[in-house]
Amino acid sequence: MRIDGSIRDFVLGMFTATLIATGRLSAHILADATERLTAARCAPGEAVWLDEGDAADISFAHDPAAARMALEGRFDRVDAIVQRTDGREKKLIVADMDSTMITVECIDELADYAGLKPRIAEITDAAMRGELDFAAALDARVALLEGLGADAIDRCRAERVKIMPGAVELVRTMRARGANAVLVSGGFTAFAEPVGKEIGFDRVIANRLGVSDGRLTGTVAKPIVDASTKEHTLRAMRAELDLGDHETLAVGDGANDLAMIGIAGLGVAYHAKPIVATAAAARIDYGDLTALLWAQGIARDDWIRG
């Protein structure tokens, strides 16, 4: 049976697989990916470059789960994001901070100024793997910092905190195109507020460290910003902005990000712990945060840079 060209294009465009490998994506890889999608009965169209050598889209008609299995981890250092084509450009991003929008875990680096980094980093890792209750683990780690001079916060921020590559381009480009951006961190306002301002977020939500007489009290204000806060923030912002589920993006790396990642239109595990990478609908294992612009179909010429 002959199918009208416009109808065929619509059918083939129901889903999009975006392949990303900055400076290393080749026509050979795209041909291989198309063959894999064909073998998986996904009915792919032709690959189309977003930015040649860096990122490309392949539209397909059927079975996004099969497409993920056909593409994820099949090529050396290539990220593959599979999603519905309709609504792929998002109007809200809710993002984690530590190890997502910045390159470090702030509490671990702050602990180094107290000579406690290995001890506290071990707890952090376990919490991010989902092995410990987040709130209890945070209380335990902050308690160990009691008596540390508050000036260590400013030193730590200046000496250790680095913005994740691609974070500024991602957030500023999305905002320039009409999206809202919210940073929700299980870390601390003393870090999150300046980080959020530097990157360009609309709002920042984080925990507040107790400080008295110039020293940390070993406490954190309640209620603690945790997984439920992140999920609630995404739901509340979605309602406030009158957005559909598909218009939202959430990105994080740890177990306390799972709830928001799970309800976002595009929930992304970014260089994430195994528990998050396995559960998320999309994952970035190799690229930087600009991968999430290509995932939305936004080519480099349209990025806003710092």
C-alpha atoms as a PDB file:
ATOM      1  CA  MET A   1       0.000   0.000   0.000  1.00  0.00           C
ATOM      2  CA  ARG A   2       1.315   3.437  -0.964  1.00  0.00           C
ATOM      3  CA  ILE A   3       1.422   5.983   1.881  1.00  0.00           C
ATOM      4  CA  ASP A   4       1.174   9.685   1.163  1.00  0.00           C
ATOM      5  CA  GLY A   5       4.527  11.390   1.787  1.00  0.00           C
ATOM      6  CA  SER A   6       3.235  13.860   4.380  1.00  0.00           C
ATOM      7  CA  ILE A   7       1.545  11.069   6.345  1.00  0.00           C
ATOM      8  CA  ARG A   8       4.691   8.956   6.141  1.00  0.00           C
ATOM      9  CA  ASP A   9       6.797  11.849   7.475  1.00  0.00           C
ATOM     10  CA  PHE A  10       4.382  12.284  10.377  1.00  0.00           C
ATOM     11  CA  VAL A  11       4.482   8.580  11.218  1.00  0.00           C
ATOM     12  CA  LEU A  12       8.266   8.464  11.012  1.00  0.00           C
ATOM     13  CA  GLY A  13       8.511  11.515  13.247  1.00  0.00           C
ATOM     14  CA  MET A  14       6.686  10.179  16.297  1.00  0.00           C
ATOM     15  CA  PHE A  15       9.972   9.568  18.145  1.00  0.00           C
ATOM     16  CA  THR A  16      13.496  10.950  17.911  1.00  0.00           C
ATOM     17  CA  ALA A  17      16.809   9.373  18.807  1.00  0.00           C
ATOM     18  CA  THR A  18      19.550  11.956  19.296  1.00  0.00           C
ATOM     19  CA  LEU A  19      23.134  10.714  19.097  1.00  0.00           C
ATOM     20  CA  ILE A  20      25.787  12.933  20.687  1.00  0.00           C
ATOM     21  CA  ALA A  21      29.581  12.610  20.614  1.00  0.00           C
ATOM     22  CA  THR A  22      31.256  15.999  20.298  1.00  0.00           C
ATOM     23  CA  GLY A  23      33.883  15.922  17.558  1.00  0.00           C
ATOM     24  CA  ARG A  24      33.569  12.156  17.112  1.00  0.00           C
ATOM     25  CA  LEU A  25      30.162  11.424  15.617  1.00  0.00           C
ATOM     26  CA  SER A  26      30.568  10.026  12.122  1.00  0.00           C
ATOM     27  CA  ALA A  27      28.345   9.140   9.188  1.00  0.00           C
ATOM     28  CA  HIS A  28      29.397   5.525   9.765  1.00  0.00           C
ATOM     29  CA  ILE A  29      28.033   5.583  13.322  1.00  0.00           C
ATOM     30  CA  LEU A  30      24.783   7.107  12.111  1.00  0.00           C
ATOM     31  CA  ALA A  31      24.427   4.457   9.419  1.00  0.00           C
ATOM     32  CA  ASP A  32      25.070   1.735  11.992  1.00  0.00           C
ATOM     33  CA  ALA A  33      22.528   3.305  14.360  1.00  0.00           C
ATOM     34  CA  THR A  34      19.920   3.430  11.592  1.00  0.00           C
ATOM     35  CA  GLU A  35      20.550  -0.236  10.808  1.00  0.00           C
ATOM     36  CA  ARG A  36      20.140  -1.137  14.464  1.00  0.00           C
ATOM     37  CA  LEU A  37      16.831   0.732  14.639  1.00  0.00           C
ATOM     38  CA  THR A  38      15.670  -1.047  11.501  1.00  0.00           C
ATOM     39  CA  ALA A  39      16.602  -4.427  12.976  1.00  0.00           C
ATOM     40  CA  ALA A  40      14.673  -3.491  16.132  1.00  0.00           C
ATOM     41  CA  ARG A  41      11.585  -2.801  13.944  1.00  0.00           C
ATOM     42  CA  CYS A  42      11.512   0.881  14.888  1.00  0.00           C
ATOM     43  CA  ALA A  43      11.046   2.031  11.257  1.00  0.00           C
ATOM     44  CA  PRO A  44      13.668   4.813  11.202  1.00  0.00           C
ATOM     45  CA  GLY A  45      13.994   7.648   8.734  1.00  0.00           C
ATOM     46  CA  GLU A  46      17.290   9.149   7.605  1.00  0.00           C
ATOM     47  CA  ALA A  47      19.749  10.664  10.069  1.00  0.00           C
ATOM     48  CA  VAL A  48      19.843  14.479  10.107  1.00  0.00           C
ATOM     49  CA  TRP A  49      22.758  16.478  11.488  1.00  0.00           C
ATOM     50  CA  LEU A  50      22.129  19.000  14.258  1.00  0.00           C
ATOM     51  CA  ASP A  51      25.819  19.915  14.233  1.00  0.00           C
ATOM     52  CA  GLU A  52      27.984  17.860  11.913  1.00  0.00           C
ATOM     53  CA  GLY A  53      30.437  15.658  13.752  1.00  0.00           C
ATOM     54  CA  ASP A  54      28.793  16.398  17.095  1.00  0.00           C
ATOM     55  CA  ALA A  55      25.083  15.537  17.197  1.00  0.00           C
ATOM     56  CA  ALA A  56      22.387  14.138  14.927  1.00  0.00           C
ATOM     57  CA  ASP A  57      18.728  13.083  15.027  1.00  0.00           C
ATOM     58  CA  ILE A  58      17.129   9.923  13.704  1.00  0.00           C
ATOM     59  CA  SER A  59      13.336   9.966  13.615  1.00  0.00           C
ATOM     60  CA  PHE A  60      11.506   6.649  13.958  1.00  0.00           C
ATOM     61  CA  ALA A  61       7.966   5.372  14.236  1.00  0.00           C
ATOM     62  CA  HIS A  62       7.781   2.546  16.762  1.00  0.00           C
ATOM     63  CA  ASP A  63       8.869   1.258  20.169  1.00  0.00           C
ATOM     64  CA  PRO A  64      11.118   3.754  22.009  1.00  0.00           C
ATOM     65  CA  ALA A  65      12.084   1.052  24.529  1.00  0.00           C
ATOM     66  CA  ALA A  66      13.467  -1.097  21.726  1.00  0.00           C
ATOM     67  CA  ALA A  67      15.260   1.952  20.316  1.00  0.00           C
ATOM     68  CA  ARG A  68      16.990   2.582  23.633  1.00  0.00           C
ATOM     69  CA  MET A  69      18.129  -1.014  23.790  1.00  0.00           C
ATOM     70  CA  ALA A  70      19.402  -0.786  20.229  1.00  0.00           C
ATOM     71  CA  LEU A  71      21.395   2.411  20.781  1.00  0.00           C
ATOM     72  CA  GLU A  72      22.428   2.979  24.397  1.00  0.00           C
ATOM     73  CA  GLY A  73      25.955   1.784  25.076  1.00  0.00           C
ATOM     74  CA  ARG A  74      26.368   0.395  21.553  1.00  0.00           C
ATOM     75  CA  PHE A  75      28.925   2.934  20.344  1.00  0.00           C
ATOM     76  CA  ASP A  76      32.168   4.083  21.922  1.00  0.00           C
ATOM     77  CA  ARG A  77      31.582   7.226  24.009  1.00  0.00           C
ATOM     78  CA  VAL A  78      28.342   8.117  22.244  1.00  0.00           C
ATOM     79  CA  ASP A  79      25.298   9.274  24.210  1.00  0.00           C
ATOM     80  CA  ALA A  80      21.867   8.394  22.840  1.00  0.00           C
ATOM     81  CA  ILE A  81      18.657  10.059  24.011  1.00  0.00           C
ATOM     82  CA  VAL A  82      15.331   8.624  22.875  1.00  0.00           C
ATOM     83  CA  GLN A  83      12.090  10.565  23.319  1.00  0.00           C
ATOM     84  CA  ARG A  84       8.830  11.604  21.708  1.00  0.00           C
ATOM     85  CA  THR A  85       9.363  14.199  19.014  1.00  0.00           C
ATOM     86  CA  ASP A  86       6.339  16.271  19.983  1.00  0.00           C
ATOM     87  CA  GLY A  87       7.277  18.665  22.788  1.00  0.00           C
ATOM     88  CA  ARG A  88      10.977  17.812  22.862  1.00  0.00           C
ATOM     89  CA  GLU A  89      11.885  21.464  23.489  1.00  0.00           C
ATOM     90  CA  LYS A  90      11.164  22.047  27.169  1.00  0.00           C
ATOM     91  CA  LYS A  91       9.683  25.022  29.005  1.00  0.00           C
ATOM     92  CA  LEU A  92      10.950  24.137  32.501  1.00  0.00           C
ATOM     93  CA  ILE A  93      14.214  22.720  33.788  1.00  0.00           C
ATOM     94  CA  VAL A  94      14.610  21.610  37.412  1.00  0.00           C
ATOM     95  CA  ALA A  95      18.214  20.729  38.172  1.00  0.00           C
ATOM     96  CA  ASP A  96      20.337  19.297  40.951  1.00  0.00           C
ATOM     97  CA  MET A  97      23.490  21.237  41.823  1.00  0.00           C
ATOM     98  CA  ASP A  98      26.318  19.102  43.244  1.00  0.00           C
ATOM     99  CA  SER A  99      28.002  16.938  40.592  1.00  0.00           C
ATOM    100  CA  THR A 100      25.400  18.163  38.097  1.00  0.00           C
ATOM    101  CA  MET A 101      25.541  21.949  37.721  1.00  0.00           C
ATOM    102  CA  ILE A 102      28.907  22.076  39.487  1.00  0.00           C
ATOM    103  CA  THR A 103      31.765  19.583  39.362  1.00  0.00           C
ATOM    104  CA  VAL A 104      32.027  18.812  43.095  1.00  0.00           C
ATOM    105  CA  GLU A 105      30.023  17.802  46.164  1.00  0.00           C
ATOM    106  CA  CYS A 106      30.196  20.953  48.287  1.00  0.00           C
ATOM    107  CA  ILE A 107      29.889  19.252  51.650  1.00  0.00           C
ATOM    108  CA  ASP A 108      32.833  16.974  50.840  1.00  0.00           C
ATOM    109  CA  GLU A 109      34.999  19.919  49.822  1.00  0.00           C
ATOM    110  CA  LEU A 110      33.931  21.948  52.869  1.00  0.00           C
ATOM    111  CA  ALA A 111      34.816  18.958  55.055  1.00  0.00           C
ATOM    112  CA  ASP A 112      38.357  19.083  53.670  1.00  0.00           C
ATOM    113  CA  TYR A 113      38.865  22.378  55.509  1.00  0.00           C
ATOM    114  CA  ALA A 114      38.089  20.490  58.712  1.00  0.00           C
ATOM    115  CA  GLY A 115      40.333  17.553  57.800  1.00  0.00           C
ATOM    116  CA  LEU A 116      37.284  15.293  57.434  1.00  0.00           C
ATOM    117  CA  LYS A 117      36.869  14.864  53.685  1.00  0.00           C
ATOM    118  CA  PRO A 118      37.419  11.069  53.416  1.00  0.00           C
ATOM    119  CA  ARG A 119      35.020  10.367  56.297  1.00  0.00           C
ATOM    120  CA  ILE A 120      32.267  12.642  55.024  1.00  0.00           C
ATOM    121  CA  ALA A 121      32.759  11.749  51.347  1.00  0.00           C
ATOM    122  CA  GLU A 122      32.142   8.099  52.199  1.00  0.00           C
ATOM    123  CA  ILE A 123      28.753   9.007  53.686  1.00  0.00           C
ATOM    124  CA  THR A 124      27.959  11.246  50.705  1.00  0.00           C
ATOM    125  CA  ASP A 125      28.701   8.468  48.234  1.00  0.00           C
ATOM    126  CA  ALA A 126      26.496   6.016  50.121  1.00  0.00           C
ATOM    127  CA  ALA A 127      23.637   8.517  50.253  1.00  0.00           C
ATOM    128  CA  MET A 128      23.922   9.286  46.543  1.00  0.00           C
ATOM    129  CA  ARG A 129      23.865   5.555  45.789  1.00  0.00           C
ATOM    130  CA  GLY A 130      20.599   5.319  47.707  1.00  0.00           C
ATOM    131  CA  GLU A 131      22.057   3.242  50.531  1.00  0.00           C
ATOM    132  CA  LEU A 132      21.303   5.774  53.292  1.00  0.00           C
ATOM    133  CA  ASP A 133      18.353   7.997  54.143  1.00  0.00           C
ATOM    134  CA  PHE A 134      19.283  11.366  52.668  1.00  0.00           C
ATOM    135  CA  ALA A 135      18.081  13.578  55.528  1.00  0.00           C
ATOM    136  CA  ALA A 136      19.688  11.438  58.224  1.00  0.00           C
ATOM    137  CA  ALA A 137      22.932  11.284  56.269  1.00  0.00           C
ATOM    138  CA  LEU A 138      22.948  15.050  55.824  1.00  0.00           C
ATOM    139  CA  ASP A 139      22.374  15.640  59.541  1.00  0.00           C
ATOM    140  CA  ALA A 140      25.208  13.240  60.360  1.00  0.00           C
ATOM    141  CA  ARG A 141      27.641  14.919  57.989  1.00  0.00           C
ATOM    142  CA  VAL A 142      26.773  18.467  59.070  1.00  0.00           C
ATOM    143  CA  ALA A 143      27.144  17.487  62.744  1.00  0.00           C
ATOM    144  CA  LEU A 144      30.755  16.524  62.044  1.00  0.00           C
ATOM    145  CA  LEU A 145      31.434  20.088  60.852  1.00  0.00           C
ATOM    146  CA  GLU A 146      30.465  21.706  64.166  1.00  0.00           C
ATOM    147  CA  GLY A 147      32.964  24.383  65.112  1.00  0.00           C
ATOM    148  CA  LEU A 148      34.412  24.901  61.645  1.00  0.00           C
ATOM    149  CA  GLY A 149      34.936  28.594  60.953  1.00  0.00           C
ATOM    150  CA  ALA A 150      32.217  29.982  58.689  1.00  0.00           C
ATOM    151  CA  ASP A 151      34.906  31.705  56.627  1.00  0.00           C
ATOM    152  CA  ALA A 152      35.710  28.255  55.244  1.00  0.00           C
ATOM    153  CA  ILE A 153      32.484  28.466  53.211  1.00  0.00           C
ATOM    154  CA  ASP A 154      33.706  31.470  51.225  1.00  0.00           C
ATOM    155  CA  ARG A 155      37.149  29.922  50.794  1.00  0.00           C
ATOM    156  CA  CYS A 156      35.648  26.638  49.636  1.00  0.00           C
ATOM    157  CA  ARG A 157      33.360  28.347  47.165  1.00  0.00           C
ATOM    158  CA  ALA A 158      36.208  30.377  45.695  1.00  0.00           C
ATOM    159  CA  GLU A 159      38.798  27.599  45.640  1.00  0.00           C
ATOM    160  CA  ARG A 160      36.820  24.423  44.922  1.00  0.00           C
ATOM    161  CA  VAL A 161      33.464  25.129  43.257  1.00  0.00           C
ATOM    162  CA  LYS A 162      33.617  24.977  39.459  1.00  0.00           C
ATOM    163  CA  ILE A 163      30.647  25.320  37.125  1.00  0.00           C
ATOM    164  CA  MET A 164      29.988  22.148  35.135  1.00  0.00           C
ATOM    165  CA  PRO A 165      30.870  22.508  31.440  1.00  0.00           C
ATOM    166  CA  GLY A 166      27.762  23.353  29.461  1.00  0.00           C
ATOM    167  CA  ALA A 167      25.702  24.496  32.455  1.00  0.00           C
ATOM    168  CA  VAL A 168      25.664  28.175  31.496  1.00  0.00           C
ATOM    169  CA  GLU A 169      24.838  27.447  27.848  1.00  0.00           C
ATOM    170  CA  LEU A 170      22.051  25.046  28.828  1.00  0.00           C
ATOM    171  CA  VAL A 171      20.268  27.281  31.309  1.00  0.00           C
ATOM    172  CA  ARG A 172      20.734  30.609  29.539  1.00  0.00           C
ATOM    173  CA  THR A 173      19.702  29.192  26.172  1.00  0.00           C
ATOM    174  CA  MET A 174      16.558  27.628  27.601  1.00  0.00           C
ATOM    175  CA  ARG A 175      15.620  30.835  29.405  1.00  0.00           C
ATOM    176  CA  ALA A 176      16.250  32.911  26.280  1.00  0.00           C
ATOM    177  CA  ARG A 177      13.768  30.654  24.489  1.00  0.00           C
ATOM    178  CA  GLY A 178      11.106  31.199  27.149  1.00  0.00           C
ATOM    179  CA  ALA A 179      11.793  28.410  29.645  1.00  0.00           C
ATOM    180  CA  ASN A 180      12.010  28.717  33.430  1.00  0.00           C
ATOM    181  CA  ALA A 181      14.954  27.279  35.356  1.00  0.00           C
ATOM    182  CA  VAL A 182      14.998  26.163  38.995  1.00  0.00           C
ATOM    183  CA  LEU A 183      18.023  24.917  40.924  1.00  0.00           C
ATOM    184  CA  VAL A 184      16.983  22.573  43.761  1.00  0.00           C
ATOM    185  CA  SER A 185      19.884  21.338  45.852  1.00  0.00           C
ATOM    186  CA  GLY A 186      20.265  19.061  48.826  1.00  0.00           C
ATOM    187  CA  GLY A 187      23.369  21.165  49.436  1.00  0.00           C
ATOM    188  CA  PHE A 188      23.541  24.605  50.969  1.00  0.00           C
ATOM    189  CA  THR A 189      22.298  28.086  50.135  1.00  0.00           C
ATOM    190  CA  ALA A 190      25.768  29.524  50.777  1.00  0.00           C
ATOM    191  CA  PHE A 191      26.876  27.679  47.627  1.00  0.00           C
ATOM    192  CA  ALA A 192      23.641  27.325  45.671  1.00  0.00           C
ATOM    193  CA  GLU A 193      22.631  30.985  45.633  1.00  0.00           C
ATOM    194  CA  PRO A 194      25.848  32.303  44.041  1.00  0.00           C
ATOM    195  CA  VAL A 195      26.032  29.278  41.728  1.00  0.00           C
ATOM    196  CA  GLY A 196      22.436  29.794  40.625  1.00  0.00           C
ATOM    197  CA  LYS A 197      23.078  33.468  39.945  1.00  0.00           C
ATOM    198  CA  GLU A 198      26.256  32.767  37.978  1.00  0.00           C
ATOM    199  CA  ILE A 199      24.615  30.142  35.774  1.00  0.00           C
ATOM    200  CA  GLY A 200      21.379  32.073  35.314  1.00  0.00           C
ATOM    201  CA  PHE A 201      18.652  30.203  37.197  1.00  0.00           C
ATOM    202  CA  ASP A 202      15.345  31.911  37.959  1.00  0.00           C
ATOM    203  CA  ARG A 203      15.019  30.361  41.412  1.00  0.00           C
ATOM    204  CA  VAL A 204      17.238  28.558  43.909  1.00  0.00           C
ATOM    205  CA  ILE A 205      16.116  26.200  46.686  1.00  0.00           C
ATOM    206  CA  ALA A 206      18.647  24.651  49.071  1.00  0.00           C
ATOM    207  CA  ASN A 207      19.405  23.871  52.714  1.00  0.00           C
ATOM    208  CA  ARG A 208      20.613  26.487  55.197  1.00  0.00           C
ATOM    209  CA  LEU A 209      23.603  25.762  57.412  1.00  0.00           C
ATOM    210  CA  GLY A 210      23.475  26.860  61.034  1.00  0.00           C
ATOM    211  CA  VAL A 211      26.060  29.525  61.883  1.00  0.00           C
ATOM    212  CA  SER A 212      26.667  31.232  65.228  1.00  0.00           C
ATOM    213  CA  ASP A 213      29.513  33.482  66.349  1.00  0.00           C
ATOM    214  CA  GLY A 214      31.325  32.893  63.082  1.00  0.00           C
ATOM    215  CA  ARG A 215      31.296  29.087  63.315  1.00  0.00           C
ATOM    216  CA  LEU A 216      29.153  26.261  62.010  1.00  0.00           C
ATOM    217  CA  THR A 217      26.772  24.952  64.666  1.00  0.00           C
ATOM    218  CA  GLY A 218      26.650  21.449  63.214  1.00  0.00           C
ATOM    219  CA  THR A 219      22.987  21.827  62.311  1.00  0.00           C
ATOM    220  CA  VAL A 220      20.942  22.422  59.204  1.00  0.00           C
ATOM    221  CA  ALA A 221      17.585  24.201  59.139  1.00  0.00           C
ATOM    222  CA  LYS A 222      14.464  22.068  58.826  1.00  0.00           C
ATOM    223  CA  PRO A 223      12.700  20.915  56.777  1.00  0.00           C
ATOM    224  CA  ILE A 224      15.602  19.493  54.789  1.00  0.00           C
ATOM    225  CA  VAL A 225      15.560  19.866  51.027  1.00  0.00           C
ATOM    226  CA  ASP A 226      15.457  16.273  49.846  1.00  0.00           C
ATOM    227  CA  ALA A 227      13.994  14.068  47.119  1.00  0.00           C
ATOM    228  CA  SER A 228      10.427  14.957  48.048  1.00  0.00           C
ATOM    229  CA  THR A 229      11.254  18.669  47.860  1.00  0.00           C
ATOM    230  CA  LYS A 230      12.657  18.232  44.383  1.00  0.00           C
ATOM    231  CA  GLU A 231       9.608  16.321  43.206  1.00  0.00           C
ATOM    232  CA  HIS A 232       7.244  18.848  44.821  1.00  0.00           C
ATOM    233  CA  THR A 233       9.125  21.742  43.217  1.00  0.00           C
ATOM    234  CA  LEU A 234       8.776  20.254  39.747  1.00  0.00           C
ATOM    235  CA  ARG A 235       5.055  19.572  40.265  1.00  0.00           C
ATOM    236  CA  ALA A 236       4.439  23.042  41.723  1.00  0.00           C
ATOM    237  CA  MET A 237       6.332  24.846  38.959  1.00  0.00           C
ATOM    238  CA  ARG A 238       4.575  22.795  36.322  1.00  0.00           C
ATOM    239  CA  ALA A 239       1.217  23.826  37.751  1.00  0.00           C
ATOM    240  CA  GLU A 240       2.246  27.457  38.244  1.00  0.00           C
ATOM    241  CA  LEU A 241       3.372  27.752  34.633  1.00  0.00           C
ATOM    242  CA  ASP A 242       0.439  25.682  33.333  1.00  0.00           C
ATOM    243  CA  LEU A 243       2.729  23.204  31.570  1.00  0.00           C
ATOM    244  CA  GLY A 244       2.126  19.665  30.443  1.00  0.00           C
ATOM    245  CA  ASP A 245       4.291  16.861  31.793  1.00  0.00           C
ATOM    246  CA  HIS A 246       6.079  16.601  28.424  1.00  0.00           C
ATOM    247  CA  GLU A 247       7.250  20.223  28.648  1.00  0.00           C
ATOM    248  CA  THR A 248       9.494  19.595  31.679  1.00  0.00           C
ATOM    249  CA  LEU A 249      13.097  18.479  32.067  1.00  0.00           C
ATOM    250  CA  ALA A 250      14.806  17.269  35.255  1.00  0.00           C
ATOM    251  CA  VAL A 251      18.495  16.456  35.559  1.00  0.00           C
ATOM    252  CA  GLY A 252      20.576  15.040  38.407  1.00  0.00           C
ATOM    253  CA  ASP A 253      23.071  12.391  39.375  1.00  0.00           C
ATOM    254  CA  GLY A 254      22.120  10.942  42.774  1.00  0.00           C
ATOM    255  CA  ALA A 255      19.407   8.860  44.394  1.00  0.00           C
ATOM    256  CA  ASN A 256      17.720  11.967  45.815  1.00  0.00           C
ATOM    257  CA  ASP A 257      17.083  13.094  42.221  1.00  0.00           C
ATOM    258  CA  LEU A 258      15.158   9.971  41.230  1.00  0.00           C
ATOM    259  CA  ALA A 259      11.711  11.246  42.189  1.00  0.00           C
ATOM    260  CA  MET A 260      11.902  14.387  40.044  1.00  0.00           C
ATOM    261  CA  ILE A 261      13.610  12.554  37.189  1.00  0.00           C
ATOM    262  CA  GLY A 262      10.821  10.011  37.236  1.00  0.00           C
ATOM    263  CA  ILE A 263       8.009  12.519  36.692  1.00  0.00           C
ATOM    264  CA  ALA A 264       9.682  14.871  34.202  1.00  0.00           C
ATOM    265  CA  GLY A 265       8.852  14.813  30.515  1.00  0.00           C
ATOM    266  CA  LEU A 266      12.571  14.209  29.981  1.00  0.00           C
ATOM    267  CA  GLY A 267      14.261  12.879  33.113  1.00  0.00           C
ATOM    268  CA  VAL A 268      18.031  12.754  32.682  1.00  0.00           C
ATOM    269  CA  ALA A 269      20.679  10.932  34.676  1.00  0.00           C
ATOM    270  CA  TYR A 270      23.833  13.014  34.231  1.00  0.00           C
ATOM    271  CA  HIS A 271      27.110  11.129  34.769  1.00  0.00           C
ATOM    272  CA  ALA A 272      25.022   9.446  37.426  1.00  0.00           C
ATOM    273  CA  LYS A 273      25.231   6.767  40.072  1.00  0.00           C
ATOM    274  CA  PRO A 274      24.145   3.332  38.734  1.00  0.00           C
ATOM    275  CA  ILE A 275      20.798   3.397  40.562  1.00  0.00           C
ATOM    276  CA  VAL A 276      19.910   6.642  38.781  1.00  0.00           C
ATOM    277  CA  ALA A 277      21.327   5.753  35.376  1.00  0.00           C
ATOM    278  CA  THR A 278      19.355   2.507  35.363  1.00  0.00           C
ATOM    279  CA  ALA A 279      16.044   4.120  36.350  1.00  0.00           C
ATOM    280  CA  ALA A 280      16.141   7.308  34.255  1.00  0.00           C
ATOM    281  CA  ALA A 281      14.417   7.584  30.894  1.00  0.00           C
ATOM    282  CA  ALA A 282      17.547   9.222  29.469  1.00  0.00           C
ATOM    283  CA  ARG A 283      21.196   9.338  30.443  1.00  0.00           C
ATOM    284  CA  ILE A 284      24.266  11.382  29.590  1.00  0.00           C
ATOM    285  CA  ASP A 285      27.377   9.366  30.355  1.00  0.00           C
ATOM    286  CA  TYR A 286      29.999  11.110  28.202  1.00  0.00           C
ATOM    287  CA  GLY A 287      28.968  14.580  27.018  1.00  0.00           C
ATOM    288  CA  ASP A 288      28.653  17.764  29.003  1.00  0.00           C
ATOM    289  CA  LEU A 289      25.400  19.594  29.748  1.00  0.00           C
ATOM    290  CA  THR A 290      25.154  21.041  26.242  1.00  0.00           C
ATOM    291  CA  ALA A 291      24.007  17.541  25.279  1.00  0.00           C
ATOM    292  CA  LEU A 292      20.640  18.546  26.716  1.00  0.00           C
ATOM    293  CA  LEU A 293      20.375  21.350  24.174  1.00  0.00           C
ATOM    294  CA  TRP A 294      20.984  18.952  21.302  1.00  0.00           C
ATOM    295  CA  ALA A 295      18.449  16.605  22.914  1.00  0.00           C
ATOM    296  CA  GLN A 296      15.920  19.426  22.531  1.00  0.00           C
ATOM    297  CA  GLY A 297      16.826  19.900  18.867  1.00  0.00           C
ATOM    298  CA  ILE A 298      18.723  23.161  19.479  1.00  0.00           C
ATOM    299  CA  ALA A 299      21.828  23.528  17.299  1.00  0.00           C
ATOM    300  CA  ARG A 300      25.010  25.253  18.444  1.00  0.00           C
ATOM    301  CA  ASP A 301      24.406  28.457  16.490  1.00  0.00           C
ATOM    302  CA  ASP A 302      21.370  29.093  18.700  1.00  0.00           C
ATOM    303  CA  TRP A 303      23.136  28.613  22.043  1.00  0.00           C
ATOM    304  CA  ILE A 304      23.551  31.502  24.481  1.00  0.00           C
ATOM    305  CA  ARG A 305      27.046  31.563  25.899  1.00  0.00           C
ATOM    306  CA  GLY A 306      28.403  33.133  29.080  1.00  0.00           C
END
